[in-house]
N, C-alpha and C. Protein backbone atom coordinates (compact mmCIF):
# COMPACT_ATOMS: atom_id res chain seq x y z
N UNK A 1 50.43 -22.29 97.65
CA UNK A 1 50.62 -21.17 98.52
C UNK A 1 51.37 -21.75 99.81
N UNK A 2 51.10 -22.96 100.22
CA UNK A 2 51.70 -23.53 101.34
C UNK A 2 53.30 -23.59 101.19
N UNK A 3 53.75 -23.74 99.99
CA UNK A 3 55.24 -23.81 99.78
C UNK A 3 55.77 -22.44 99.21
N UNK A 4 54.95 -21.48 99.20
CA UNK A 4 55.44 -20.17 98.74
C UNK A 4 55.71 -20.09 97.20
N UNK A 5 55.00 -20.94 96.44
CA UNK A 5 55.15 -21.03 94.99
C UNK A 5 54.07 -20.09 94.29
N UNK A 6 54.45 -19.62 93.09
CA UNK A 6 53.41 -18.82 92.38
C UNK A 6 52.17 -19.79 92.19
N UNK A 7 50.94 -19.20 92.44
CA UNK A 7 49.82 -20.04 92.25
C UNK A 7 49.61 -20.49 90.74
N UNK A 8 50.11 -19.72 89.88
CA UNK A 8 50.01 -20.06 88.42
C UNK A 8 50.65 -21.35 87.99
N UNK A 9 51.59 -21.92 88.88
CA UNK A 9 52.20 -23.24 88.59
C UNK A 9 51.19 -24.38 88.55
N UNK A 10 49.97 -24.04 89.07
CA UNK A 10 48.90 -25.14 88.98
C UNK A 10 48.68 -25.55 87.58
N UNK A 11 48.94 -24.64 86.69
CA UNK A 11 48.60 -24.93 85.23
C UNK A 11 49.55 -25.82 84.68
N UNK A 12 50.75 -26.08 85.28
CA UNK A 12 51.78 -26.98 84.88
C UNK A 12 51.17 -28.39 84.58
N UNK A 13 50.25 -28.79 85.43
CA UNK A 13 49.64 -30.17 85.34
C UNK A 13 48.74 -30.15 84.06
N UNK A 14 48.25 -29.05 83.72
CA UNK A 14 47.48 -29.13 82.39
C UNK A 14 48.41 -29.53 81.17
N UNK A 15 49.57 -28.91 81.23
CA UNK A 15 50.59 -29.20 80.17
C UNK A 15 51.06 -30.65 80.28
N UNK A 16 51.37 -31.02 81.56
CA UNK A 16 51.91 -32.41 81.80
C UNK A 16 50.95 -33.53 81.51
N UNK A 17 49.66 -33.44 81.90
CA UNK A 17 48.83 -34.64 81.84
C UNK A 17 47.30 -34.29 81.21
N UNK A 18 47.02 -32.98 80.99
CA UNK A 18 45.74 -32.62 80.62
C UNK A 18 44.80 -32.81 81.87
N UNK A 19 45.27 -32.79 83.03
CA UNK A 19 44.57 -33.05 84.32
C UNK A 19 44.02 -34.42 84.44
N UNK A 20 44.71 -35.36 83.76
CA UNK A 20 44.24 -36.84 83.92
C UNK A 20 45.24 -37.61 84.72
N UNK A 21 44.92 -38.00 85.89
CA UNK A 21 45.84 -38.75 86.80
C UNK A 21 46.44 -40.10 86.22
N UNK A 22 45.68 -40.68 85.36
CA UNK A 22 46.08 -42.04 84.83
C UNK A 22 46.95 -41.99 83.61
N UNK A 23 47.33 -40.81 83.17
CA UNK A 23 48.09 -40.66 81.93
C UNK A 23 49.56 -41.01 82.19
N UNK A 24 50.04 -41.86 81.32
CA UNK A 24 51.40 -42.30 81.41
C UNK A 24 52.15 -41.90 80.11
N UNK A 25 53.34 -41.36 80.17
CA UNK A 25 54.03 -40.91 79.06
C UNK A 25 54.86 -42.11 78.39
N UNK A 26 55.32 -41.90 77.20
CA UNK A 26 56.23 -42.84 76.50
C UNK A 26 57.40 -43.26 77.40
N UNK A 27 57.88 -42.27 78.16
CA UNK A 27 59.06 -42.51 79.00
C UNK A 27 58.77 -43.21 80.27
N UNK A 28 57.49 -43.35 80.61
CA UNK A 28 57.04 -43.98 81.84
C UNK A 28 56.65 -43.07 83.06
N UNK A 29 56.63 -41.67 82.72
CA UNK A 29 56.21 -40.78 83.76
C UNK A 29 54.61 -40.90 83.89
N UNK A 30 54.16 -40.76 85.09
CA UNK A 30 52.82 -41.07 85.33
C UNK A 30 52.10 -40.01 86.30
N UNK A 31 50.85 -39.75 86.02
CA UNK A 31 50.06 -38.90 86.94
C UNK A 31 49.87 -37.44 86.50
N UNK A 32 49.12 -36.72 87.28
CA UNK A 32 48.90 -35.29 86.86
C UNK A 32 50.22 -34.51 86.70
N UNK A 33 51.18 -34.85 87.43
CA UNK A 33 52.44 -34.12 87.35
C UNK A 33 53.57 -34.87 86.66
N UNK A 34 53.14 -35.99 86.14
CA UNK A 34 54.06 -36.83 85.29
C UNK A 34 55.41 -37.13 85.94
N UNK A 35 55.35 -37.72 87.12
CA UNK A 35 56.61 -38.14 87.79
C UNK A 35 57.13 -39.45 87.27
N UNK A 36 58.43 -39.40 86.92
CA UNK A 36 59.17 -40.72 86.72
C UNK A 36 59.18 -41.41 88.03
N UNK A 37 59.31 -42.77 87.95
CA UNK A 37 59.34 -43.62 89.12
C UNK A 37 60.41 -43.13 90.19
N UNK A 38 61.64 -42.85 89.77
CA UNK A 38 62.73 -42.59 90.64
C UNK A 38 62.46 -41.29 91.39
N UNK A 39 61.91 -40.26 90.53
CA UNK A 39 61.65 -38.93 91.07
C UNK A 39 60.58 -39.02 92.11
N UNK A 40 59.45 -39.74 91.79
CA UNK A 40 58.33 -39.91 92.68
C UNK A 40 58.79 -40.55 93.97
N UNK A 41 59.61 -41.64 93.93
CA UNK A 41 60.12 -42.25 95.08
C UNK A 41 61.01 -41.28 95.89
N UNK A 42 61.79 -40.41 95.22
CA UNK A 42 62.58 -39.51 95.89
C UNK A 42 61.79 -38.48 96.73
N UNK A 43 60.59 -38.23 96.22
CA UNK A 43 59.57 -37.25 96.87
C UNK A 43 58.54 -37.92 97.74
N UNK A 44 58.79 -39.23 98.10
CA UNK A 44 57.91 -39.93 98.96
C UNK A 44 56.70 -40.60 98.34
N UNK A 45 56.61 -40.64 97.12
CA UNK A 45 55.41 -41.31 96.36
C UNK A 45 55.65 -42.83 96.24
N UNK A 46 54.82 -43.56 96.97
CA UNK A 46 54.95 -45.05 96.98
C UNK A 46 54.31 -45.74 95.74
N UNK A 47 54.94 -46.81 95.36
CA UNK A 47 54.31 -47.62 94.22
C UNK A 47 54.54 -49.08 94.60
N UNK A 48 53.53 -49.90 94.45
CA UNK A 48 53.68 -51.31 94.61
C UNK A 48 52.49 -51.90 93.63
N UNK A 49 52.36 -53.31 93.86
CA UNK A 49 51.40 -53.79 92.96
C UNK A 49 49.92 -53.44 93.23
N UNK A 50 49.66 -52.77 94.35
CA UNK A 50 48.28 -52.38 94.69
C UNK A 50 48.00 -50.81 94.36
N UNK A 51 49.06 -50.03 94.36
CA UNK A 51 48.78 -48.62 94.19
C UNK A 51 50.07 -48.01 93.62
N UNK A 52 49.85 -46.73 93.09
CA UNK A 52 50.88 -45.95 92.53
C UNK A 52 50.51 -44.57 92.91
N UNK A 53 51.27 -43.95 93.98
CA UNK A 53 50.84 -42.67 94.49
C UNK A 53 51.15 -41.48 93.53
N UNK A 54 51.90 -41.80 92.42
CA UNK A 54 52.00 -40.77 91.42
C UNK A 54 50.65 -40.29 90.78
N UNK A 55 49.66 -41.21 90.91
CA UNK A 55 48.41 -41.00 90.45
C UNK A 55 47.46 -40.32 91.51
N UNK A 56 47.88 -40.14 92.68
CA UNK A 56 47.15 -39.56 93.80
C UNK A 56 47.24 -38.08 93.67
N UNK A 57 46.14 -37.44 93.40
CA UNK A 57 46.18 -35.94 93.14
C UNK A 57 46.75 -35.10 94.28
N UNK A 58 46.37 -35.57 95.59
CA UNK A 58 46.86 -34.76 96.71
C UNK A 58 48.42 -35.08 96.97
N UNK A 59 48.73 -36.23 97.04
CA UNK A 59 50.13 -36.67 97.34
C UNK A 59 51.04 -36.19 96.20
N UNK A 60 50.70 -36.39 95.02
CA UNK A 60 51.54 -36.06 93.86
C UNK A 60 51.62 -34.53 93.71
N UNK A 61 50.63 -33.77 94.09
CA UNK A 61 50.72 -32.28 94.05
C UNK A 61 51.70 -31.85 95.04
N UNK A 62 51.59 -32.36 96.25
CA UNK A 62 52.53 -32.00 97.28
C UNK A 62 53.98 -32.30 96.95
N UNK A 63 54.19 -33.47 96.31
CA UNK A 63 55.53 -33.84 95.79
C UNK A 63 55.95 -32.85 94.69
N UNK A 64 55.09 -32.54 93.77
CA UNK A 64 55.45 -31.62 92.72
C UNK A 64 55.80 -30.22 93.26
N UNK A 65 55.10 -29.80 94.30
CA UNK A 65 55.44 -28.47 94.96
C UNK A 65 56.76 -28.46 95.49
N UNK A 66 57.04 -29.64 96.21
CA UNK A 66 58.40 -29.74 96.92
C UNK A 66 59.53 -29.74 95.77
N UNK A 67 59.28 -30.50 94.75
CA UNK A 67 60.25 -30.63 93.65
C UNK A 67 60.39 -29.37 93.03
N UNK A 68 59.36 -28.60 92.58
CA UNK A 68 59.47 -27.29 92.01
C UNK A 68 60.15 -26.26 92.86
N UNK A 69 59.84 -26.31 94.14
CA UNK A 69 60.58 -25.47 95.13
C UNK A 69 62.05 -25.64 95.11
N UNK A 70 62.43 -27.04 95.11
CA UNK A 70 63.86 -27.25 95.07
C UNK A 70 64.55 -26.87 93.83
N UNK A 71 63.89 -27.05 92.71
CA UNK A 71 64.38 -26.54 91.41
C UNK A 71 64.63 -25.10 91.45
N UNK A 72 63.60 -24.39 91.89
CA UNK A 72 63.70 -22.96 91.90
C UNK A 72 64.81 -22.42 92.92
N UNK A 73 64.99 -23.10 93.92
CA UNK A 73 66.15 -22.86 94.87
C UNK A 73 67.55 -23.09 94.22
N UNK A 74 67.57 -24.07 93.36
CA UNK A 74 68.80 -24.33 92.58
C UNK A 74 69.05 -23.27 91.52
N UNK A 75 68.16 -23.04 90.77
CA UNK A 75 68.33 -22.12 89.59
C UNK A 75 67.93 -20.56 89.85
N UNK A 76 67.17 -20.32 90.82
CA UNK A 76 66.73 -18.88 91.08
C UNK A 76 65.89 -18.26 89.90
N UNK A 77 65.44 -19.09 89.05
CA UNK A 77 64.67 -18.58 87.83
C UNK A 77 63.56 -19.57 87.47
N UNK A 78 62.44 -19.13 87.33
CA UNK A 78 61.30 -20.06 87.01
C UNK A 78 61.38 -20.68 85.68
N UNK A 79 61.87 -19.98 84.68
CA UNK A 79 62.02 -20.59 83.32
C UNK A 79 62.99 -21.79 83.44
N UNK A 80 64.12 -21.65 84.12
CA UNK A 80 65.09 -22.67 84.28
C UNK A 80 64.48 -23.81 85.08
N UNK A 81 63.77 -23.43 86.17
CA UNK A 81 63.20 -24.43 87.03
C UNK A 81 62.24 -25.32 86.25
N UNK A 82 61.36 -24.66 85.40
CA UNK A 82 60.44 -25.46 84.55
C UNK A 82 61.13 -26.23 83.51
N UNK A 83 62.23 -25.71 83.00
CA UNK A 83 62.89 -26.59 81.94
C UNK A 83 63.56 -27.78 82.71
N UNK A 84 64.08 -27.60 83.86
CA UNK A 84 64.65 -28.66 84.67
C UNK A 84 63.61 -29.72 85.10
N UNK A 85 62.38 -29.25 85.33
CA UNK A 85 61.32 -30.13 85.60
C UNK A 85 61.08 -31.09 84.48
N UNK A 86 61.10 -30.45 83.23
CA UNK A 86 60.79 -31.28 82.07
C UNK A 86 61.94 -32.17 81.60
N UNK A 87 63.17 -31.61 81.65
CA UNK A 87 64.36 -32.34 81.09
C UNK A 87 65.08 -33.12 82.13
N UNK A 88 64.98 -32.69 83.38
CA UNK A 88 65.80 -33.20 84.43
C UNK A 88 66.85 -32.12 84.75
N UNK A 89 67.18 -32.12 86.06
CA UNK A 89 68.26 -31.07 86.44
C UNK A 89 69.63 -31.29 85.79
N UNK A 90 69.99 -32.57 85.65
CA UNK A 90 71.30 -32.94 85.07
C UNK A 90 71.39 -32.45 83.59
N UNK A 91 70.43 -32.68 82.88
CA UNK A 91 70.42 -32.32 81.42
C UNK A 91 70.42 -30.76 81.28
N UNK A 92 69.66 -30.04 82.15
CA UNK A 92 69.60 -28.69 82.09
C UNK A 92 71.03 -28.08 82.49
N UNK A 93 71.50 -28.59 83.60
CA UNK A 93 72.83 -28.14 84.09
C UNK A 93 73.95 -28.28 82.95
N UNK A 94 73.92 -29.44 82.26
CA UNK A 94 74.87 -29.67 81.19
C UNK A 94 74.65 -28.65 80.07
N UNK A 95 73.41 -28.49 79.61
CA UNK A 95 73.11 -27.58 78.59
C UNK A 95 73.54 -26.10 79.00
N UNK A 96 73.29 -25.73 80.17
CA UNK A 96 73.70 -24.34 80.63
C UNK A 96 75.32 -24.25 80.68
N UNK A 97 75.90 -25.25 81.10
CA UNK A 97 77.39 -25.26 81.04
C UNK A 97 77.82 -25.17 79.55
N UNK A 98 77.34 -25.98 78.73
CA UNK A 98 77.79 -25.97 77.37
C UNK A 98 77.54 -24.57 76.69
N UNK A 99 76.46 -23.96 77.07
CA UNK A 99 76.07 -22.62 76.51
C UNK A 99 76.87 -21.45 77.18
N UNK A 100 77.40 -21.69 78.47
CA UNK A 100 78.00 -20.57 79.12
C UNK A 100 77.02 -19.55 79.58
N UNK A 101 75.78 -19.93 79.84
CA UNK A 101 74.70 -18.95 80.35
C UNK A 101 73.68 -19.74 81.12
N UNK A 102 73.00 -18.85 82.01
CA UNK A 102 71.91 -19.42 82.76
C UNK A 102 70.57 -18.69 82.30
N UNK A 103 70.57 -18.36 81.11
CA UNK A 103 69.37 -17.70 80.52
C UNK A 103 68.68 -18.71 79.68
N UNK A 104 67.42 -19.09 80.06
CA UNK A 104 66.75 -20.11 79.41
C UNK A 104 66.58 -19.86 77.86
N UNK A 105 66.26 -18.71 77.55
CA UNK A 105 65.97 -18.43 76.16
C UNK A 105 67.20 -18.44 75.35
N UNK A 106 68.36 -18.17 75.86
CA UNK A 106 69.61 -18.37 75.07
C UNK A 106 69.95 -19.85 75.02
N UNK A 107 69.76 -20.62 76.04
CA UNK A 107 69.89 -22.05 76.03
C UNK A 107 68.93 -22.62 75.06
N UNK A 108 67.72 -22.27 74.98
CA UNK A 108 66.67 -22.79 74.01
C UNK A 108 67.08 -22.53 72.60
N UNK A 109 67.88 -21.50 72.33
CA UNK A 109 68.19 -21.24 71.01
C UNK A 109 69.45 -22.19 70.49
N UNK A 110 70.04 -22.91 71.43
CA UNK A 110 71.17 -23.70 71.10
C UNK A 110 70.62 -25.11 70.76
N UNK A 111 71.61 -25.96 70.45
CA UNK A 111 71.27 -27.36 70.13
C UNK A 111 71.43 -28.30 71.35
N UNK A 112 71.61 -27.68 72.57
CA UNK A 112 71.91 -28.41 73.72
C UNK A 112 70.81 -28.96 74.57
N UNK A 113 69.60 -28.54 74.16
CA UNK A 113 68.32 -28.96 74.85
C UNK A 113 67.46 -29.65 73.77
N UNK A 114 66.71 -30.68 74.25
CA UNK A 114 65.74 -31.35 73.42
C UNK A 114 64.67 -30.37 72.99
N UNK A 115 64.10 -30.65 71.84
CA UNK A 115 63.05 -29.78 71.25
C UNK A 115 61.83 -29.78 72.23
N UNK A 116 61.60 -30.86 72.89
CA UNK A 116 60.46 -30.93 73.80
C UNK A 116 60.60 -29.92 74.94
N UNK A 117 61.90 -29.81 75.38
CA UNK A 117 62.04 -28.91 76.49
C UNK A 117 62.10 -27.48 76.15
N UNK A 118 62.63 -27.27 74.90
CA UNK A 118 62.56 -25.89 74.29
C UNK A 118 61.18 -25.36 74.17
N UNK A 119 60.21 -26.22 73.91
CA UNK A 119 58.82 -25.86 73.68
C UNK A 119 58.04 -25.84 75.00
N UNK A 120 58.60 -26.59 76.03
CA UNK A 120 57.87 -26.73 77.23
C UNK A 120 57.62 -25.45 78.03
N UNK A 121 58.62 -24.67 78.19
CA UNK A 121 58.48 -23.46 78.99
C UNK A 121 57.40 -22.50 78.24
N UNK A 122 57.60 -22.26 76.99
CA UNK A 122 56.50 -21.52 76.35
C UNK A 122 55.17 -22.10 76.43
N UNK A 123 54.93 -23.37 76.42
CA UNK A 123 53.63 -24.01 76.57
C UNK A 123 53.08 -23.68 78.00
N UNK A 124 53.93 -23.75 78.95
CA UNK A 124 53.49 -23.46 80.36
C UNK A 124 53.07 -22.02 80.39
N UNK A 125 53.98 -21.14 80.01
CA UNK A 125 53.56 -19.67 79.99
C UNK A 125 52.32 -19.38 79.16
N UNK A 126 52.12 -20.03 78.10
CA UNK A 126 50.89 -19.85 77.34
C UNK A 126 49.67 -20.35 78.14
N UNK A 127 49.71 -21.48 78.76
CA UNK A 127 48.66 -21.96 79.60
C UNK A 127 48.33 -21.04 80.77
N UNK A 128 49.33 -20.43 81.34
CA UNK A 128 49.18 -19.41 82.50
C UNK A 128 48.46 -18.24 81.84
N UNK A 129 48.93 -17.72 80.78
CA UNK A 129 48.39 -16.58 80.15
C UNK A 129 46.91 -16.80 79.75
N UNK A 130 46.55 -17.86 79.12
CA UNK A 130 45.23 -18.20 78.73
C UNK A 130 44.31 -18.33 79.90
N UNK A 131 44.79 -18.99 81.00
CA UNK A 131 43.95 -19.16 82.12
C UNK A 131 43.73 -17.90 82.87
N UNK A 132 44.72 -17.03 82.96
CA UNK A 132 44.57 -15.84 83.72
C UNK A 132 43.89 -14.66 82.96
N UNK A 133 43.96 -14.81 81.59
CA UNK A 133 43.25 -13.72 80.74
C UNK A 133 42.41 -14.39 79.73
N UNK A 134 41.52 -15.25 80.25
CA UNK A 134 40.73 -16.08 79.24
C UNK A 134 39.78 -15.25 78.35
N UNK A 135 39.11 -14.32 78.99
CA UNK A 135 38.22 -13.41 78.23
C UNK A 135 38.91 -12.67 77.13
N UNK A 136 40.04 -12.13 77.53
CA UNK A 136 40.78 -11.38 76.45
C UNK A 136 41.18 -12.22 75.27
N UNK A 137 41.28 -13.56 75.55
CA UNK A 137 41.73 -14.44 74.37
C UNK A 137 40.43 -15.19 73.79
N UNK A 138 39.26 -14.75 74.09
CA UNK A 138 38.13 -15.33 73.47
C UNK A 138 37.46 -16.54 74.14
N UNK A 139 37.85 -16.82 75.37
CA UNK A 139 37.21 -17.86 76.13
C UNK A 139 36.31 -17.34 77.20
N UNK A 140 35.01 -17.88 77.23
CA UNK A 140 34.09 -17.46 78.19
C UNK A 140 34.04 -18.55 79.22
N UNK A 141 34.88 -18.50 80.24
CA UNK A 141 34.95 -19.55 81.24
C UNK A 141 34.15 -19.17 82.53
N UNK A 142 33.24 -20.02 82.86
CA UNK A 142 32.55 -19.83 84.17
C UNK A 142 32.75 -20.99 85.02
N UNK A 143 32.82 -20.79 86.38
CA UNK A 143 33.12 -21.95 87.28
C UNK A 143 31.86 -22.71 87.42
N UNK A 144 31.96 -23.99 87.62
CA UNK A 144 30.83 -25.02 87.73
C UNK A 144 30.72 -25.23 89.26
N UNK A 145 29.63 -24.97 89.97
CA UNK A 145 29.48 -25.30 91.34
C UNK A 145 29.70 -26.79 91.69
N UNK A 146 29.42 -27.69 90.68
CA UNK A 146 29.52 -29.09 90.89
C UNK A 146 31.04 -29.34 91.12
N UNK A 147 31.98 -28.62 90.37
CA UNK A 147 33.38 -28.84 90.50
C UNK A 147 33.92 -28.62 91.89
N UNK A 148 33.18 -27.84 92.77
CA UNK A 148 33.62 -27.43 94.14
C UNK A 148 33.32 -28.54 95.12
N UNK A 149 33.94 -29.70 94.97
CA UNK A 149 33.62 -30.73 95.88
C UNK A 149 34.70 -30.61 97.02
N UNK A 150 34.13 -30.53 98.25
CA UNK A 150 35.09 -30.37 99.36
C UNK A 150 35.95 -31.66 99.48
N UNK A 151 37.21 -31.46 100.00
CA UNK A 151 38.11 -32.61 100.36
C UNK A 151 37.44 -33.48 101.44
N UNK A 152 37.41 -34.71 101.29
CA UNK A 152 36.77 -35.57 102.27
C UNK A 152 37.75 -36.77 102.59
N UNK A 153 37.85 -37.07 103.84
CA UNK A 153 38.60 -38.21 104.15
C UNK A 153 37.69 -39.21 104.83
N UNK A 154 37.75 -40.50 104.51
CA UNK A 154 36.82 -41.53 105.13
C UNK A 154 37.72 -42.54 105.73
N UNK A 155 37.45 -42.82 106.99
CA UNK A 155 38.18 -43.98 107.63
C UNK A 155 37.25 -45.15 107.60
N UNK A 156 37.78 -46.28 106.98
CA UNK A 156 36.97 -47.45 106.83
C UNK A 156 37.54 -48.47 107.97
N UNK A 157 36.68 -49.02 108.86
CA UNK A 157 37.19 -49.74 109.91
C UNK A 157 36.94 -51.22 109.80
N UNK A 158 36.22 -51.54 108.64
CA UNK A 158 35.91 -52.95 108.40
C UNK A 158 35.92 -53.13 106.89
N UNK A 159 36.06 -54.40 106.44
CA UNK A 159 35.93 -54.67 104.98
C UNK A 159 34.56 -54.14 104.51
N UNK A 160 34.52 -53.47 103.31
CA UNK A 160 33.28 -52.94 102.87
C UNK A 160 33.26 -52.99 101.39
N UNK A 161 32.12 -53.19 100.77
CA UNK A 161 31.98 -53.21 99.36
C UNK A 161 31.99 -51.83 98.78
N UNK A 162 32.69 -51.68 97.72
CA UNK A 162 32.79 -50.46 97.07
C UNK A 162 31.44 -49.72 96.76
N UNK A 163 30.44 -50.56 96.39
CA UNK A 163 29.08 -50.07 96.17
C UNK A 163 28.50 -49.54 97.45
N UNK A 164 28.73 -50.23 98.58
CA UNK A 164 28.18 -49.70 99.83
C UNK A 164 28.85 -48.38 100.25
N UNK A 165 30.18 -48.29 99.99
CA UNK A 165 30.88 -47.06 100.31
C UNK A 165 30.26 -45.97 99.44
N UNK A 166 30.24 -46.19 98.20
CA UNK A 166 29.60 -45.23 97.17
C UNK A 166 28.33 -44.73 97.70
N UNK A 167 27.48 -45.63 97.98
CA UNK A 167 26.09 -45.31 98.36
C UNK A 167 26.23 -44.30 99.68
N UNK A 168 26.99 -44.69 100.66
CA UNK A 168 27.11 -43.89 101.83
C UNK A 168 27.64 -42.57 101.61
N UNK A 169 28.58 -42.45 100.63
CA UNK A 169 29.09 -41.17 100.29
C UNK A 169 28.16 -40.34 99.55
């Protein structure tokens, strides 16, 4: 909402990582939003031998929102923006140029996009449909109050044992 994006885009992380921040793809993409190292760095996600912010749910979500907004600003179409998120903007631009169209479905019918990208947009759309209309599709989903954990920030002013921190929290 902060970036003016459709709220349904939150389900993109279900397709990307199954909501598991530690998931790493064969290609090296990491986190809820499956950022490649270079893209993560471009959007301010730091990585060193102690941490990798691609696995930080808050920072990576902010980066993903900024990236998706940029892709939408480039393409003016959510299907194309999602395809570019998966394949990369350069590959999508090349495929669109080769097909002579900016219609995702026409591009997907060609041989200019990888099969993974051709299937990616329908997977995201299916996840959105199932989440928004779960009962109509046979799912009885009820929220769990335990899942509603408020965001908490803790400032640690001295070295502390993790067990002590966990106990205090």
